[in-house]
Amino acid sequence: MFDDPTKYRWVETMAYSPDHSLLAVGSHDQMIYICNTASYEKKIKKMSGHSGALLGLDWSINGDWIRSSDGAHELLFWNPSEKKPRNPKGPSLTKSVTWKDHNCRRGWLVDGVVPKGADGTHINSITMDKDQ
């Protein structure tokens, strides 16, 4: 997938689509790379918009949405099948979406997990059980 590893920064997060046909890769270069799992050799899409290194990625259960969080405490929403995948209306459009995983450290489902007086760096990892 990464033809020249010297051009990229390290990867902190990855998530498979619900049908496992795609892999979203979040890099410290502030990019999300989508690759086809049939070969893992070809990037299908490169999505930009984050201000910090990617720390978490989640797919919606139907595969229509990706949400991502970064070191700048952003939570962004994406329609990976669209030509312009970043969707600034994502927070309101995804209120009723069921997520396959929960690796993003931001969002309604984890509101309150960061203790008062702490910043977002105090939480290193988050996940959700099979019953959500």
C-alpha atoms as a PDB file:
ATOM      1  CA  MET A   1       0.000   0.000   0.000  1.00  0.00           C
ATOM      2  CA  PHE A   2       2.794   2.410   0.840  1.00  0.00           C
ATOM      3  CA  ASP A   3       5.054   2.320  -2.193  1.00  0.00           C
ATOM      4  CA  ASP A   4       7.846   4.333  -0.544  1.00  0.00           C
ATOM      5  CA  PRO A   5       7.800   4.026   3.268  1.00  0.00           C
ATOM      6  CA  THR A   6      10.252   6.912   3.642  1.00  0.00           C
ATOM      7  CA  LYS A   7       7.532   9.349   2.482  1.00  0.00           C
ATOM      8  CA  TYR A   8       5.145   8.479   5.341  1.00  0.00           C
ATOM      9  CA  ARG A   9       5.007   8.933   9.086  1.00  0.00           C
ATOM     10  CA  TRP A  10       4.080   6.156  11.444  1.00  0.00           C
ATOM     11  CA  VAL A  11       0.619   4.679  11.648  1.00  0.00           C
ATOM     12  CA  GLU A  12      -1.283   4.803  14.931  1.00  0.00           C
ATOM     13  CA  THR A  13      -4.706   3.513  13.959  1.00  0.00           C
ATOM     14  CA  MET A  14      -6.312   1.197  11.422  1.00  0.00           C
ATOM     15  CA  ALA A  15      -9.854  -0.101  11.007  1.00  0.00           C
ATOM     16  CA  TYR A  16     -11.446  -2.588   8.627  1.00  0.00           C
ATOM     17  CA  SER A  17     -14.752  -1.794   6.961  1.00  0.00           C
ATOM     18  CA  PRO A  18     -17.661  -3.949   8.173  1.00  0.00           C
ATOM     19  CA  ASP A  19     -17.352  -6.274   5.167  1.00  0.00           C
ATOM     20  CA  HIS A  20     -13.524  -6.309   5.493  1.00  0.00           C
ATOM     21  CA  SER A  21     -13.092  -5.242   1.855  1.00  0.00           C
ATOM     22  CA  LEU A  22     -11.409  -1.946   2.813  1.00  0.00           C
ATOM     23  CA  LEU A  23      -8.854  -0.880   5.386  1.00  0.00           C
ATOM     24  CA  ALA A  24      -8.697   2.699   6.669  1.00  0.00           C
ATOM     25  CA  VAL A  25      -5.225   3.665   7.867  1.00  0.00           C
ATOM     26  CA  GLY A  26      -4.709   6.759  10.038  1.00  0.00           C
ATOM     27  CA  SER A  27      -1.227   8.203   9.905  1.00  0.00           C
ATOM     28  CA  HIS A  28       0.747  10.781  11.819  1.00  0.00           C
ATOM     29  CA  ASP A  29       1.018  12.681   8.527  1.00  0.00           C
ATOM     30  CA  GLN A  30      -2.624  13.739   9.226  1.00  0.00           C
ATOM     31  CA  MET A  31      -3.968  11.599   6.371  1.00  0.00           C
ATOM     32  CA  ILE A  32      -6.386   8.710   6.122  1.00  0.00           C
ATOM     33  CA  TYR A  33      -5.489   6.148   3.487  1.00  0.00           C
ATOM     34  CA  ILE A  34      -8.093   3.688   2.210  1.00  0.00           C
ATOM     35  CA  CYS A  35      -6.832   0.489   0.616  1.00  0.00           C
ATOM     36  CA  ASN A  36      -8.458  -2.561  -0.907  1.00  0.00           C
ATOM     37  CA  THR A  37      -7.876  -5.674   1.208  1.00  0.00           C
ATOM     38  CA  ALA A  38      -7.800  -7.934  -1.840  1.00  0.00           C
ATOM     39  CA  SER A  39      -4.176  -6.942  -2.379  1.00  0.00           C
ATOM     40  CA  TYR A  40      -3.262  -4.272   0.213  1.00  0.00           C
ATOM     41  CA  GLU A  41      -1.019  -2.859  -2.497  1.00  0.00           C
ATOM     42  CA  LYS A  42      -3.113  -0.069  -3.941  1.00  0.00           C
ATOM     43  CA  LYS A  43      -4.392   3.006  -2.171  1.00  0.00           C
ATOM     44  CA  ILE A  44      -7.951   3.695  -3.260  1.00  0.00           C
ATOM     45  CA  LYS A  45      -8.205   7.089  -1.633  1.00  0.00           C
ATOM     46  CA  LYS A  46      -6.176   9.559   0.407  1.00  0.00           C
ATOM     47  CA  MET A  47      -8.283  11.805   2.645  1.00  0.00           C
ATOM     48  CA  SER A  48      -6.964  15.015   4.199  1.00  0.00           C
ATOM     49  CA  GLY A  49      -8.436  17.505   6.633  1.00  0.00           C
ATOM     50  CA  HIS A  50      -7.025  16.793  10.069  1.00  0.00           C
ATOM     51  CA  SER A  51      -4.837  19.229  12.002  1.00  0.00           C
ATOM     52  CA  GLY A  52      -3.033  16.585  14.036  1.00  0.00           C
ATOM     53  CA  ALA A  53      -1.805  13.012  13.901  1.00  0.00           C
ATOM     54  CA  LEU A  54      -4.613  10.476  13.514  1.00  0.00           C
ATOM     55  CA  LEU A  55      -5.331   8.602  16.742  1.00  0.00           C
ATOM     56  CA  GLY A  56      -8.631   6.807  16.111  1.00  0.00           C
ATOM     57  CA  LEU A  57     -10.828   5.568  13.250  1.00  0.00           C
ATOM     58  CA  ASP A  58     -14.303   4.024  13.290  1.00  0.00           C
ATOM     59  CA  TRP A  59     -16.512   2.697  10.480  1.00  0.00           C
ATOM     60  CA  SER A  60     -20.276   2.847  10.631  1.00  0.00           C
ATOM     61  CA  ILE A  61     -21.919  -0.569  10.733  1.00  0.00           C
ATOM     62  CA  ASN A  62     -23.188  -0.108   7.146  1.00  0.00           C
ATOM     63  CA  GLY A  63     -19.795   1.130   5.860  1.00  0.00           C
ATOM     64  CA  ASP A  64     -21.164   4.495   4.672  1.00  0.00           C
ATOM     65  CA  TRP A  65     -19.295   6.609   7.235  1.00  0.00           C
ATOM     66  CA  ILE A  66     -15.895   6.892   8.867  1.00  0.00           C
ATOM     67  CA  ARG A  67     -15.235   9.094  11.863  1.00  0.00           C
ATOM     68  CA  SER A  68     -11.717   9.965  12.915  1.00  0.00           C
ATOM     69  CA  SER A  69     -10.044  11.721  15.815  1.00  0.00           C
ATOM     70  CA  ASP A  70      -6.627  13.305  16.064  1.00  0.00           C
ATOM     71  CA  GLY A  71      -4.076  14.768  18.451  1.00  0.00           C
ATOM     72  CA  ALA A  72      -5.549  18.259  17.935  1.00  0.00           C
ATOM     73  CA  HIS A  73      -8.780  16.962  19.550  1.00  0.00           C
ATOM     74  CA  GLU A  74     -10.762  17.050  16.298  1.00  0.00           C
ATOM     75  CA  LEU A  75     -13.522  14.592  15.455  1.00  0.00           C
ATOM     76  CA  LEU A  76     -14.150  14.549  11.695  1.00  0.00           C
ATOM     77  CA  PHE A  77     -16.658  12.630   9.594  1.00  0.00           C
ATOM     78  CA  TRP A  78     -16.175  11.141   6.136  1.00  0.00           C
ATOM     79  CA  ASN A  79     -18.194   9.519   3.346  1.00  0.00           C
ATOM     80  CA  PRO A  80     -15.399   7.396   1.856  1.00  0.00           C
ATOM     81  CA  SER A  81     -17.327   6.662  -1.348  1.00  0.00           C
ATOM     82  CA  GLU A  82     -17.792  10.363  -2.200  1.00  0.00           C
ATOM     83  CA  LYS A  83     -15.449  12.390  -4.416  1.00  0.00           C
ATOM     84  CA  LYS A  84     -15.014  14.927  -1.590  1.00  0.00           C
ATOM     85  CA  PRO A  85     -15.221  12.554   1.366  1.00  0.00           C
ATOM     86  CA  ARG A  86     -14.995  14.963   4.321  1.00  0.00           C
ATOM     87  CA  ASN A  87     -18.478  15.974   5.397  1.00  0.00           C
ATOM     88  CA  PRO A  88     -18.670  18.953   7.799  1.00  0.00           C
ATOM     89  CA  LYS A  89     -22.331  18.063   8.465  1.00  0.00           C
ATOM     90  CA  GLY A  90     -21.228  14.645   9.720  1.00  0.00           C
ATOM     91  CA  PRO A  91     -21.911  15.311  13.420  1.00  0.00           C
ATOM     92  CA  SER A  92     -25.582  16.032  12.798  1.00  0.00           C
ATOM     93  CA  LEU A  93     -25.991  13.465   9.995  1.00  0.00           C
ATOM     94  CA  THR A  94     -24.581  10.615  12.096  1.00  0.00           C
ATOM     95  CA  LYS A  95     -26.539  11.053  15.339  1.00  0.00           C
ATOM     96  CA  SER A  96     -28.533   7.879  14.666  1.00  0.00           C
ATOM     97  CA  VAL A  97     -25.691   5.930  13.023  1.00  0.00           C
ATOM     98  CA  THR A  98     -24.551   2.704  14.660  1.00  0.00           C
ATOM     99  CA  TRP A  99     -20.774   2.373  14.699  1.00  0.00           C
ATOM    100  CA  LYS A 100     -18.960  -0.894  14.097  1.00  0.00           C
ATOM    101  CA  ASP A 101     -16.211   0.030  16.561  1.00  0.00           C
ATOM    102  CA  HIS A 102     -15.444   2.822  18.942  1.00  0.00           C
ATOM    103  CA  ASN A 103     -11.771   3.762  18.837  1.00  0.00           C
ATOM    104  CA  CYS A 104     -12.183   7.547  18.565  1.00  0.00           C
ATOM    105  CA  ARG A 105     -11.561   9.348  21.819  1.00  0.00           C
ATOM    106  CA  ARG A 106     -14.127  11.999  20.936  1.00  0.00           C
ATOM    107  CA  GLY A 107     -17.879  11.854  20.411  1.00  0.00           C
ATOM    108  CA  TRP A 108     -21.226  11.623  22.128  1.00  0.00           C
ATOM    109  CA  LEU A 109     -20.757   8.041  23.287  1.00  0.00           C
ATOM    110  CA  VAL A 110     -17.604   8.900  25.227  1.00  0.00           C
ATOM    111  CA  ASP A 111     -18.687  12.306  26.495  1.00  0.00           C
ATOM    112  CA  GLY A 112     -17.549  12.546  30.099  1.00  0.00           C
ATOM    113  CA  VAL A 113     -14.805   9.920  29.927  1.00  0.00           C
ATOM    114  CA  VAL A 114     -12.108  12.604  30.352  1.00  0.00           C
ATOM    115  CA  PRO A 115     -11.997  13.680  34.026  1.00  0.00           C
ATOM    116  CA  LYS A 116     -12.446  17.352  34.953  1.00  0.00           C
ATOM    117  CA  GLY A 117      -9.183  19.245  34.799  1.00  0.00           C
ATOM    118  CA  ALA A 118      -7.604  16.748  32.395  1.00  0.00           C
ATOM    119  CA  ASP A 119      -6.997  17.239  28.716  1.00  0.00           C
ATOM    120  CA  GLY A 120      -7.567  14.708  25.967  1.00  0.00           C
ATOM    121  CA  THR A 121      -4.075  13.242  26.327  1.00  0.00           C
ATOM    122  CA  HIS A 122      -5.009  11.480  29.576  1.00  0.00           C
ATOM    123  CA  ILE A 123      -7.037   8.880  27.657  1.00  0.00           C
ATOM    124  CA  ASN A 124      -4.810   6.612  25.561  1.00  0.00           C
ATOM    125  CA  SER A 125      -7.316   4.091  24.311  1.00  0.00           C
ATOM    126  CA  ILE A 126     -11.043   3.473  24.197  1.00  0.00           C
ATOM    127  CA  THR A 127     -13.167   0.643  22.868  1.00  0.00           C
ATOM    128  CA  MET A 128     -16.722  -0.661  22.908  1.00  0.00           C
ATOM    129  CA  ASP A 129     -18.056  -4.107  23.717  1.00  0.00           C
ATOM    130  CA  LYS A 130     -20.135  -6.178  21.275  1.00  0.00           C
ATOM    131  CA  ASP A 131     -23.384  -4.861  22.788  1.00  0.00           C
ATOM    132  CA  GLN A 132     -22.213  -1.251  22.369  1.00  0.00           C
END
